[in-house]
Amino acid sequence: MRPMDRCVCSRSAEEDWNPLNWNEIEAGIIQRRPWPHAVIFDMDGLMYRTEQMIREAWDIVGPEFVGHPLGDEIFQTMGMNRALRVTHFREKFGTDFPYSEFEKRYKAIVTRRKQTEGIPVQKGLFELLQLLSNEKIPMVLATGSSSIHTYLNLAVTRTPNVFRTMICGDMVRAAKPDPFIYRLACQKLGMKPEETLVLEDSVNGVRAAYAAGTPVIMIPDLQKDTSAVDDLYLHKMTSLLEVRDYIRSRYQE
């Protein structure tokens, strides 16, 4: 038999056969990819300027409940879910503070504004989402806001459906600054915390990301004083456009 007549790719029954391990192959590909392997987004203040809308609504309804505007309370409650906000208001204004009625009044104002005026989108959001989509970098949305307001924000702003999963404040047992929501995001991604990147605008959010072991870039919105977490974030940037350029430069190295 001439050498070319033999099938060099055939195996005899006696030869050991090791099937491909797709998990190991995928892990190898991920290891060869630049960091970050996934990006986890906060929402209010980070993607949209909704915290300013909430602050203004608290100023409007505050006098009906405590005799003065309450907009500045936003700085103590950024990143919190409803349960933590209830606790905050009742610890500060008394256990009989009617949070449900307060919430109903201010959310009606915010929702009406969203539907009539639209929602201001943070500079660079869509450009960043486009880059991450082009590079096949998975994205997760992890917010303290309720599911209904999260979906309303996405619909009103026509944000593309690019998130692998969304975790909202009414889906988790603990809210920022607790790290639970970011640990859950990593679990859903099937990645180690250090493989991901969190984007946050608030002190509570940065604390949550740091405690979860996820590198975090802070892009402050309303909360200009970041001194409490200046040792915790990886970088502080001025806009999501800057974040886009930072990630693009890492993938072009």
C-alpha atoms as a PDB file:
ATOM      1  CA  MET A   1       0.000   0.000   0.000  1.00  0.00           C
ATOM      2  CA  ARG A   2       1.278   3.389  -0.918  1.00  0.00           C
ATOM      3  CA  PRO A   3       1.596   5.894   1.971  1.00  0.00           C
ATOM      4  CA  MET A   4      -1.131   8.116   0.530  1.00  0.00           C
ATOM      5  CA  ASP A   5      -3.607   5.199   0.581  1.00  0.00           C
ATOM      6  CA  ARG A   6      -3.679   5.179   4.367  1.00  0.00           C
ATOM      7  CA  CYS A   7      -6.200   7.347   6.226  1.00  0.00           C
ATOM      8  CA  VAL A   8      -3.991   9.229   8.644  1.00  0.00           C
ATOM      9  CA  CYS A   9      -6.981  10.493  10.632  1.00  0.00           C
ATOM     10  CA  SER A  10      -8.424   7.081  11.485  1.00  0.00           C
ATOM     11  CA  ARG A  11      -8.071   5.498  14.923  1.00  0.00           C
ATOM     12  CA  SER A  12      -8.005   1.829  15.819  1.00  0.00           C
ATOM     13  CA  ALA A  13     -10.410   0.449  18.403  1.00  0.00           C
ATOM     14  CA  GLU A  14      -7.474  -0.065  20.762  1.00  0.00           C
ATOM     15  CA  GLU A  15      -6.455   3.589  20.792  1.00  0.00           C
ATOM     16  CA  ASP A  16      -7.572   5.762  23.700  1.00  0.00           C
ATOM     17  CA  TRP A  17     -10.178   8.314  22.715  1.00  0.00           C
ATOM     18  CA  ASN A  18     -10.514  11.507  24.753  1.00  0.00           C
ATOM     19  CA  PRO A  19     -13.627  13.485  23.760  1.00  0.00           C
ATOM     20  CA  LEU A  20     -13.327  17.245  23.518  1.00  0.00           C
ATOM     21  CA  ASN A  21     -14.040  19.089  26.746  1.00  0.00           C
ATOM     22  CA  TRP A  22     -15.916  22.175  25.612  1.00  0.00           C
ATOM     23  CA  ASN A  23     -15.788  23.756  29.077  1.00  0.00           C
ATOM     24  CA  GLU A  24     -11.984  23.609  29.048  1.00  0.00           C
ATOM     25  CA  ILE A  25     -11.865  24.947  25.501  1.00  0.00           C
ATOM     26  CA  GLU A  26     -14.167  27.856  26.371  1.00  0.00           C
ATOM     27  CA  ALA A  27     -12.121  28.599  29.495  1.00  0.00           C
ATOM     28  CA  GLY A  28      -8.973  28.699  27.373  1.00  0.00           C
ATOM     29  CA  ILE A  29     -10.581  31.109  24.926  1.00  0.00           C
ATOM     30  CA  ILE A  30     -11.739  33.322  27.784  1.00  0.00           C
ATOM     31  CA  GLN A  31      -8.246  33.324  29.280  1.00  0.00           C
ATOM     32  CA  ARG A  32      -6.823  34.488  25.961  1.00  0.00           C
ATOM     33  CA  ARG A  33      -9.357  37.293  25.627  1.00  0.00           C
ATOM     34  CA  PRO A  34      -8.548  40.708  27.051  1.00  0.00           C
ATOM     35  CA  TRP A  35     -10.149  41.782  30.292  1.00  0.00           C
ATOM     36  CA  PRO A  36     -12.982  42.513  31.029  1.00  0.00           C
ATOM     37  CA  HIS A  37     -14.739  39.305  30.040  1.00  0.00           C
ATOM     38  CA  ALA A  38     -18.122  40.787  31.003  1.00  0.00           C
ATOM     39  CA  VAL A  39     -19.501  44.167  32.071  1.00  0.00           C
ATOM     40  CA  ILE A  40     -22.099  44.652  34.801  1.00  0.00           C
ATOM     41  CA  PHE A  41     -24.150  47.863  34.698  1.00  0.00           C
ATOM     42  CA  ASP A  42     -25.891  49.787  37.424  1.00  0.00           C
ATOM     43  CA  MET A  43     -28.844  51.747  36.009  1.00  0.00           C
ATOM     44  CA  ASP A  44     -30.086  54.902  37.773  1.00  0.00           C
ATOM     45  CA  GLY A  45     -27.456  57.614  37.550  1.00  0.00           C
ATOM     46  CA  LEU A  46     -25.153  55.365  35.522  1.00  0.00           C
ATOM     47  CA  MET A  47     -27.197  54.729  32.373  1.00  0.00           C
ATOM     48  CA  TYR A  48     -29.890  57.364  32.827  1.00  0.00           C
ATOM     49  CA  ARG A  49     -30.223  60.645  34.724  1.00  0.00           C
ATOM     50  CA  THR A  50     -33.216  59.280  36.632  1.00  0.00           C
ATOM     51  CA  GLU A  51     -31.817  60.038  40.080  1.00  0.00           C
ATOM     52  CA  GLN A  52     -32.129  63.756  39.328  1.00  0.00           C
ATOM     53  CA  MET A  53     -35.792  63.179  38.476  1.00  0.00           C
ATOM     54  CA  ILE A  54     -36.318  61.315  41.771  1.00  0.00           C
ATOM     55  CA  ARG A  55     -34.554  64.043  43.727  1.00  0.00           C
ATOM     56  CA  GLU A  56     -36.778  66.721  42.226  1.00  0.00           C
ATOM     57  CA  ALA A  57     -39.905  64.673  42.969  1.00  0.00           C
ATOM     58  CA  TRP A  58     -38.812  64.213  46.608  1.00  0.00           C
ATOM     59  CA  ASP A  59     -38.416  67.979  46.847  1.00  0.00           C
ATOM     60  CA  ILE A  60     -41.966  68.469  45.544  1.00  0.00           C
ATOM     61  CA  VAL A  61     -43.754  65.988  47.838  1.00  0.00           C
ATOM     62  CA  GLY A  62     -41.497  66.296  50.877  1.00  0.00           C
ATOM     63  CA  PRO A  63     -43.294  69.295  52.442  1.00  0.00           C
ATOM     64  CA  GLU A  64     -46.555  67.317  52.565  1.00  0.00           C
ATOM     65  CA  PHE A  65     -44.921  64.677  54.783  1.00  0.00           C
ATOM     66  CA  VAL A  66     -42.202  66.370  56.866  1.00  0.00           C
ATOM     67  CA  GLY A  67     -42.648  70.065  56.189  1.00  0.00           C
ATOM     68  CA  HIS A  68     -39.624  70.558  53.938  1.00  0.00           C
ATOM     69  CA  PRO A  69     -38.107  69.249  50.677  1.00  0.00           C
ATOM     70  CA  LEU A  70     -36.512  65.802  50.824  1.00  0.00           C
ATOM     71  CA  GLY A  71     -34.423  65.773  47.664  1.00  0.00           C
ATOM     72  CA  ASP A  72     -31.095  65.643  49.477  1.00  0.00           C
ATOM     73  CA  GLU A  73     -32.035  62.284  51.007  1.00  0.00           C
ATOM     74  CA  ILE A  74     -31.119  60.794  47.626  1.00  0.00           C
ATOM     75  CA  PHE A  75     -27.445  61.048  48.582  1.00  0.00           C
ATOM     76  CA  GLN A  76     -27.939  58.659  51.513  1.00  0.00           C
ATOM     77  CA  THR A  77     -30.098  56.170  49.608  1.00  0.00           C
ATOM     78  CA  MET A  78     -28.409  55.795  46.209  1.00  0.00           C
ATOM     79  CA  GLY A  79     -28.220  52.159  45.158  1.00  0.00           C
ATOM     80  CA  MET A  80     -30.633  50.989  47.851  1.00  0.00           C
ATOM     81  CA  ASN A  81     -33.706  48.907  47.095  1.00  0.00           C
ATOM     82  CA  ARG A  82     -37.148  49.716  48.475  1.00  0.00           C
ATOM     83  CA  ALA A  83     -36.693  47.869  51.764  1.00  0.00           C
ATOM     84  CA  LEU A  84     -33.549  49.789  52.676  1.00  0.00           C
ATOM     85  CA  ARG A  85     -35.119  53.091  51.683  1.00  0.00           C
ATOM     86  CA  VAL A  86     -38.099  52.396  53.946  1.00  0.00           C
ATOM     87  CA  THR A  87     -35.687  51.709  56.799  1.00  0.00           C
ATOM     88  CA  HIS A  88     -33.742  54.900  56.098  1.00  0.00           C
ATOM     89  CA  PHE A  89     -36.787  57.166  56.065  1.00  0.00           C
ATOM     90  CA  ARG A  90     -38.338  55.630  59.174  1.00  0.00           C
ATOM     91  CA  GLU A  91     -35.105  55.799  61.131  1.00  0.00           C
ATOM     92  CA  LYS A  92     -34.724  59.465  60.221  1.00  0.00           C
ATOM     93  CA  PHE A  93     -38.335  60.707  60.306  1.00  0.00           C
ATOM     94  CA  GLY A  94     -39.980  58.296  62.725  1.00  0.00           C
ATOM     95  CA  THR A  95     -41.373  54.794  62.582  1.00  0.00           C
ATOM     96  CA  ASP A  96     -44.782  56.139  61.566  1.00  0.00           C
ATOM     97  CA  PHE A  97     -43.424  57.797  58.404  1.00  0.00           C
ATOM     98  CA  PRO A  98     -45.963  56.802  55.682  1.00  0.00           C
ATOM     99  CA  TYR A  99     -43.425  55.606  53.141  1.00  0.00           C
ATOM    100  CA  SER A 100     -45.975  53.818  50.936  1.00  0.00           C
ATOM    101  CA  GLU A 101     -47.988  57.013  50.455  1.00  0.00           C
ATOM    102  CA  PHE A 102     -44.796  59.046  49.962  1.00  0.00           C
ATOM    103  CA  GLU A 103     -43.632  56.514  47.375  1.00  0.00           C
ATOM    104  CA  LYS A 104     -46.964  56.565  45.570  1.00  0.00           C
ATOM    105  CA  ARG A 105     -46.898  60.362  45.314  1.00  0.00           C
ATOM    106  CA  TYR A 106     -43.321  60.778  44.125  1.00  0.00           C
ATOM    107  CA  LYS A 107     -43.392  57.835  41.703  1.00  0.00           C
ATOM    108  CA  ALA A 108     -46.508  59.236  40.045  1.00  0.00           C
ATOM    109  CA  ILE A 109     -44.607  62.461  39.375  1.00  0.00           C
ATOM    110  CA  VAL A 110     -41.527  60.618  38.065  1.00  0.00           C
ATOM    111  CA  THR A 111     -43.524  58.244  35.864  1.00  0.00           C
ATOM    112  CA  ARG A 112     -45.540  61.105  34.366  1.00  0.00           C
ATOM    113  CA  ARG A 113     -42.336  62.992  33.564  1.00  0.00           C
ATOM    114  CA  LYS A 114     -40.756  59.913  31.984  1.00  0.00           C
ATOM    115  CA  GLN A 115     -43.765  59.380  29.750  1.00  0.00           C
ATOM    116  CA  THR A 116     -44.188  63.030  28.738  1.00  0.00           C
ATOM    117  CA  GLU A 117     -40.632  64.376  28.748  1.00  0.00           C
ATOM    118  CA  GLY A 118     -38.610  61.219  28.198  1.00  0.00           C
ATOM    119  CA  ILE A 119     -35.587  60.070  30.200  1.00  0.00           C
ATOM    120  CA  PRO A 120     -32.188  61.762  29.822  1.00  0.00           C
ATOM    121  CA  VAL A 121     -29.614  59.179  28.726  1.00  0.00           C
ATOM    122  CA  GLN A 122     -26.067  59.466  30.032  1.00  0.00           C
ATOM    123  CA  LYS A 123     -23.430  60.505  27.513  1.00  0.00           C
ATOM    124  CA  GLY A 124     -21.845  57.518  25.798  1.00  0.00           C
ATOM    125  CA  LEU A 125     -24.342  54.839  26.857  1.00  0.00           C
ATOM    126  CA  PHE A 126     -25.343  53.678  23.386  1.00  0.00           C
ATOM    127  CA  GLU A 127     -21.784  53.928  22.074  1.00  0.00           C
ATOM    128  CA  LEU A 128     -20.573  51.709  24.934  1.00  0.00           C
ATOM    129  CA  LEU A 129     -23.352  49.160  24.398  1.00  0.00           C
ATOM    130  CA  GLN A 130     -22.457  49.038  20.690  1.00  0.00           C
ATOM    131  CA  LEU A 131     -18.780  48.377  21.400  1.00  0.00           C
ATOM    132  CA  LEU A 132     -19.527  45.617  23.898  1.00  0.00           C
ATOM    133  CA  SER A 133     -21.964  44.003  21.465  1.00  0.00           C
ATOM    134  CA  ASN A 134     -19.425  44.159  18.634  1.00  0.00           C
ATOM    135  CA  GLU A 135     -16.750  42.560  20.822  1.00  0.00           C
ATOM    136  CA  LYS A 136     -19.196  39.877  22.062  1.00  0.00           C
ATOM    137  CA  ILE A 137     -18.664  40.965  25.675  1.00  0.00           C
ATOM    138  CA  PRO A 138     -21.613  39.788  27.822  1.00  0.00           C
ATOM    139  CA  MET A 139     -23.547  42.443  29.727  1.00  0.00           C
ATOM    140  CA  VAL A 140     -25.674  42.238  32.867  1.00  0.00           C
ATOM    141  CA  LEU A 141     -27.919  44.903  34.381  1.00  0.00           C
ATOM    142  CA  ALA A 142     -27.872  44.932  38.211  1.00  0.00           C
ATOM    143  CA  THR A 143     -30.028  47.665  39.741  1.00  0.00           C
ATOM    144  CA  GLY A 144     -31.715  48.462  43.010  1.00  0.00           C
ATOM    145  CA  SER A 145     -34.783  49.718  41.128  1.00  0.00           C
ATOM    146  CA  SER A 146     -37.914  47.620  40.853  1.00  0.00           C
ATOM    147  CA  SER A 147     -38.567  45.474  37.796  1.00  0.00           C
ATOM    148  CA  ILE A 148     -41.451  47.649  36.607  1.00  0.00           C
ATOM    149  CA  HIS A 149     -39.403  50.851  36.644  1.00  0.00           C
ATOM    150  CA  THR A 150     -36.398  49.099  35.094  1.00  0.00           C
ATOM    151  CA  TYR A 151     -38.446  47.906  32.117  1.00  0.00           C
ATOM    152  CA  LEU A 152     -40.107  51.328  31.838  1.00  0.00           C
ATOM    153  CA  ASN A 153     -36.688  53.017  31.633  1.00  0.00           C
ATOM    154  CA  LEU A 154     -35.489  50.598  28.972  1.00  0.00           C
ATOM    155  CA  ALA A 155     -38.663  51.030  26.927  1.00  0.00           C
ATOM    156  CA  VAL A 156     -38.861  54.832  27.123  1.00  0.00           C
ATOM    157  CA  THR A 157     -35.189  55.260  26.167  1.00  0.00           C
ATOM    158  CA  ARG A 158     -35.365  52.521  23.497  1.00  0.00           C
ATOM    159  CA  THR A 159     -32.277  50.904  24.954  1.00  0.00           C
ATOM    160  CA  PRO A 160     -31.413  47.831  22.859  1.00  0.00           C
ATOM    161  CA  ASN A 161     -32.045  44.429  24.416  1.00  0.00           C
ATOM    162  CA  VAL A 162     -28.387  43.505  24.869  1.00  0.00           C
ATOM    163  CA  PHE A 163     -28.323  42.265  28.464  1.00  0.00           C
ATOM    164  CA  ARG A 164     -27.754  38.576  29.086  1.00  0.00           C
ATOM    165  CA  THR A 165     -29.761  38.918  32.286  1.00  0.00           C
ATOM    166  CA  MET A 166     -31.256  41.649  34.462  1.00  0.00           C
ATOM    167  CA  ILE A 167     -31.309  41.640  38.252  1.00  0.00           C
ATOM    168  CA  CYS A 168     -33.631  44.168  39.884  1.00  0.00           C
ATOM    169  CA  GLY A 169     -34.083  45.323  43.454  1.00  0.00           C
ATOM    170  CA  ASP A 170     -37.248  43.285  43.979  1.00  0.00           C
ATOM    171  CA  MET A 171     -35.428  40.092  42.954  1.00  0.00           C
ATOM    172  CA  VAL A 172     -32.721  40.088  45.645  1.00  0.00           C
ATOM    173  CA  ARG A 173     -32.704  39.633  49.409  1.00  0.00           C
ATOM    174  CA  ALA A 174     -30.087  42.317  50.088  1.00  0.00           C
ATOM    175  CA  ALA A 175     -29.349  45.632  48.383  1.00  0.00           C
ATOM    176  CA  LYS A 176     -26.249  47.734  47.836  1.00  0.00           C
ATOM    177  CA  PRO A 177     -23.924  48.347  49.664  1.00  0.00           C
ATOM    178  CA  ASP A 178     -24.356  44.614  50.324  1.00  0.00           C
ATOM    179  CA  PRO A 179     -22.397  42.717  47.628  1.00  0.00           C
ATOM    180  CA  PHE A 180     -25.139  40.125  47.024  1.00  0.00           C
ATOM    181  CA  ILE A 181     -26.406  41.570  43.716  1.00  0.00           C
ATOM    182  CA  TYR A 182     -22.935  41.603  42.148  1.00  0.00           C
ATOM    183  CA  ARG A 183     -22.078  38.129  43.395  1.00  0.00           C
ATOM    184  CA  LEU A 184     -25.337  36.930  41.867  1.00  0.00           C
ATOM    185  CA  ALA A 185     -24.485  38.636  38.572  1.00  0.00           C
ATOM    186  CA  CYS A 186     -21.138  36.819  38.442  1.00  0.00           C
ATOM    187  CA  GLN A 187     -22.871  33.555  39.257  1.00  0.00           C
ATOM    188  CA  LYS A 188     -25.329  34.032  36.386  1.00  0.00           C
ATOM    189  CA  LEU A 189     -22.441  34.851  34.046  1.00  0.00           C
ATOM    190  CA  GLY A 190     -20.538  31.768  35.187  1.00  0.00           C
ATOM    191  CA  MET A 191     -17.457  33.912  35.790  1.00  0.00           C
ATOM    192  CA  LYS A 192     -15.169  34.773  38.659  1.00  0.00           C
ATOM    193  CA  PRO A 193     -15.678  38.290  40.062  1.00  0.00           C
ATOM    194  CA  GLU A 194     -12.209  39.397  38.969  1.00  0.00           C
ATOM    195  CA  GLU A 195     -13.045  38.509  35.344  1.00  0.00           C
ATOM    196  CA  THR A 196     -15.838  41.078  35.236  1.00  0.00           C
ATOM    197  CA  LEU A 197     -16.063  44.866  35.371  1.00  0.00           C
ATOM    198  CA  VAL A 198     -18.748  46.792  37.263  1.00  0.00           C
ATOM    199  CA  LEU A 199     -19.815  50.312  36.263  1.00  0.00           C
ATOM    200  CA  GLU A 200     -21.213  52.419  39.113  1.00  0.00           C
ATOM    201  CA  ASP A 201     -22.097  56.031  39.867  1.00  0.00           C
ATOM    202  CA  SER A 202     -22.728  55.848  43.639  1.00  0.00           C
ATOM    203  CA  VAL A 203     -20.717  55.314  46.799  1.00  0.00           C
ATOM    204  CA  ASN A 204     -23.012  52.473  47.898  1.00  0.00           C
ATOM    205  CA  GLY A 205     -22.612  50.794  44.524  1.00  0.00           C
ATOM    206  CA  VAL A 206     -18.819  51.025  44.615  1.00  0.00           C
ATOM    207  CA  ARG A 207     -18.801  49.537  48.110  1.00  0.00           C
ATOM    208  CA  ALA A 208     -20.989  46.656  46.934  1.00  0.00           C
ATOM    209  CA  ALA A 209     -18.767  45.907  43.934  1.00  0.00           C
ATOM    210  CA  TYR A 210     -15.579  46.076  45.984  1.00  0.00           C
ATOM    211  CA  ALA A 211     -17.003  43.721  48.618  1.00  0.00           C
ATOM    212  CA  ALA A 212     -18.020  41.291  45.862  1.00  0.00           C
ATOM    213  CA  GLY A 213     -14.462  41.243  44.516  1.00  0.00           C
ATOM    214  CA  THR A 214     -15.413  42.798  41.174  1.00  0.00           C
ATOM    215  CA  PRO A 215     -13.223  45.588  39.786  1.00  0.00           C
ATOM    216  CA  VAL A 216     -15.309  48.758  39.488  1.00  0.00           C
ATOM    217  CA  ILE A 217     -15.088  51.975  37.513  1.00  0.00           C
ATOM    218  CA  MET A 218     -16.935  54.900  39.059  1.00  0.00           C
ATOM    219  CA  ILE A 219     -18.657  57.492  36.875  1.00  0.00           C
ATOM    220  CA  PRO A 220     -20.199  59.932  39.381  1.00  0.00           C
ATOM    221  CA  ASP A 221     -23.488  61.631  38.563  1.00  0.00           C
ATOM    222  CA  LEU A 222     -25.215  63.437  41.457  1.00  0.00           C
ATOM    223  CA  GLN A 223     -22.759  62.168  44.053  1.00  0.00           C
ATOM    224  CA  LYS A 224     -19.708  64.337  43.397  1.00  0.00           C
ATOM    225  CA  ASP A 225     -17.907  63.646  46.694  1.00  0.00           C
ATOM    226  CA  THR A 226     -16.328  60.219  46.221  1.00  0.00           C
ATOM    227  CA  SER A 227     -13.718  60.492  48.977  1.00  0.00           C
ATOM    228  CA  ALA A 228     -15.343  57.692  50.987  1.00  0.00           C
ATOM    229  CA  VAL A 229     -14.505  55.165  48.245  1.00  0.00           C
ATOM    230  CA  ASP A 230     -11.469  56.650  46.514  1.00  0.00           C
ATOM    231  CA  ASP A 231      -9.411  53.647  47.659  1.00  0.00           C
ATOM    232  CA  LEU A 232     -11.958  51.114  46.387  1.00  0.00           C
ATOM    233  CA  TYR A 233     -12.526  51.766  42.685  1.00  0.00           C
ATOM    234  CA  LEU A 234     -10.193  50.872  39.824  1.00  0.00           C
ATOM    235  CA  HIS A 235     -10.694  54.159  37.986  1.00  0.00           C
ATOM    236  CA  LYS A 236     -12.935  57.220  38.172  1.00  0.00           C
ATOM    237  CA  MET A 237     -14.106  58.495  34.806  1.00  0.00           C
ATOM    238  CA  THR A 238     -16.213  61.383  33.589  1.00  0.00           C
ATOM    239  CA  SER A 239     -18.562  59.586  31.197  1.00  0.00           C
ATOM    240  CA  LEU A 240     -19.450  56.273  29.597  1.00  0.00           C
ATOM    241  CA  LEU A 241     -17.668  57.497  26.462  1.00  0.00           C
ATOM    242  CA  GLU A 242     -14.449  57.404  28.459  1.00  0.00           C
ATOM    243  CA  VAL A 243     -15.301  53.877  29.581  1.00  0.00           C
ATOM    244  CA  ARG A 244     -15.891  52.871  25.954  1.00  0.00           C
ATOM    245  CA  ASP A 245     -12.515  54.219  24.910  1.00  0.00           C
ATOM    246  CA  TYR A 246     -10.827  52.458  27.844  1.00  0.00           C
ATOM    247  CA  ILE A 247     -12.307  49.046  26.982  1.00  0.00           C
ATOM    248  CA  ARG A 248     -11.706  49.529  23.255  1.00  0.00           C
ATOM    249  CA  SER A 249      -8.030  50.243  23.918  1.00  0.00           C
ATOM    250  CA  ARG A 250      -7.704  46.994  25.917  1.00  0.00           C
ATOM    251  CA  TYR A 251      -9.244  44.947  23.100  1.00  0.00           C
ATOM    252  CA  GLN A 252      -6.979  46.544  20.525  1.00  0.00           C
ATOM    253  CA  GLU A 253      -3.742  45.813  22.391  1.00  0.00           C
END
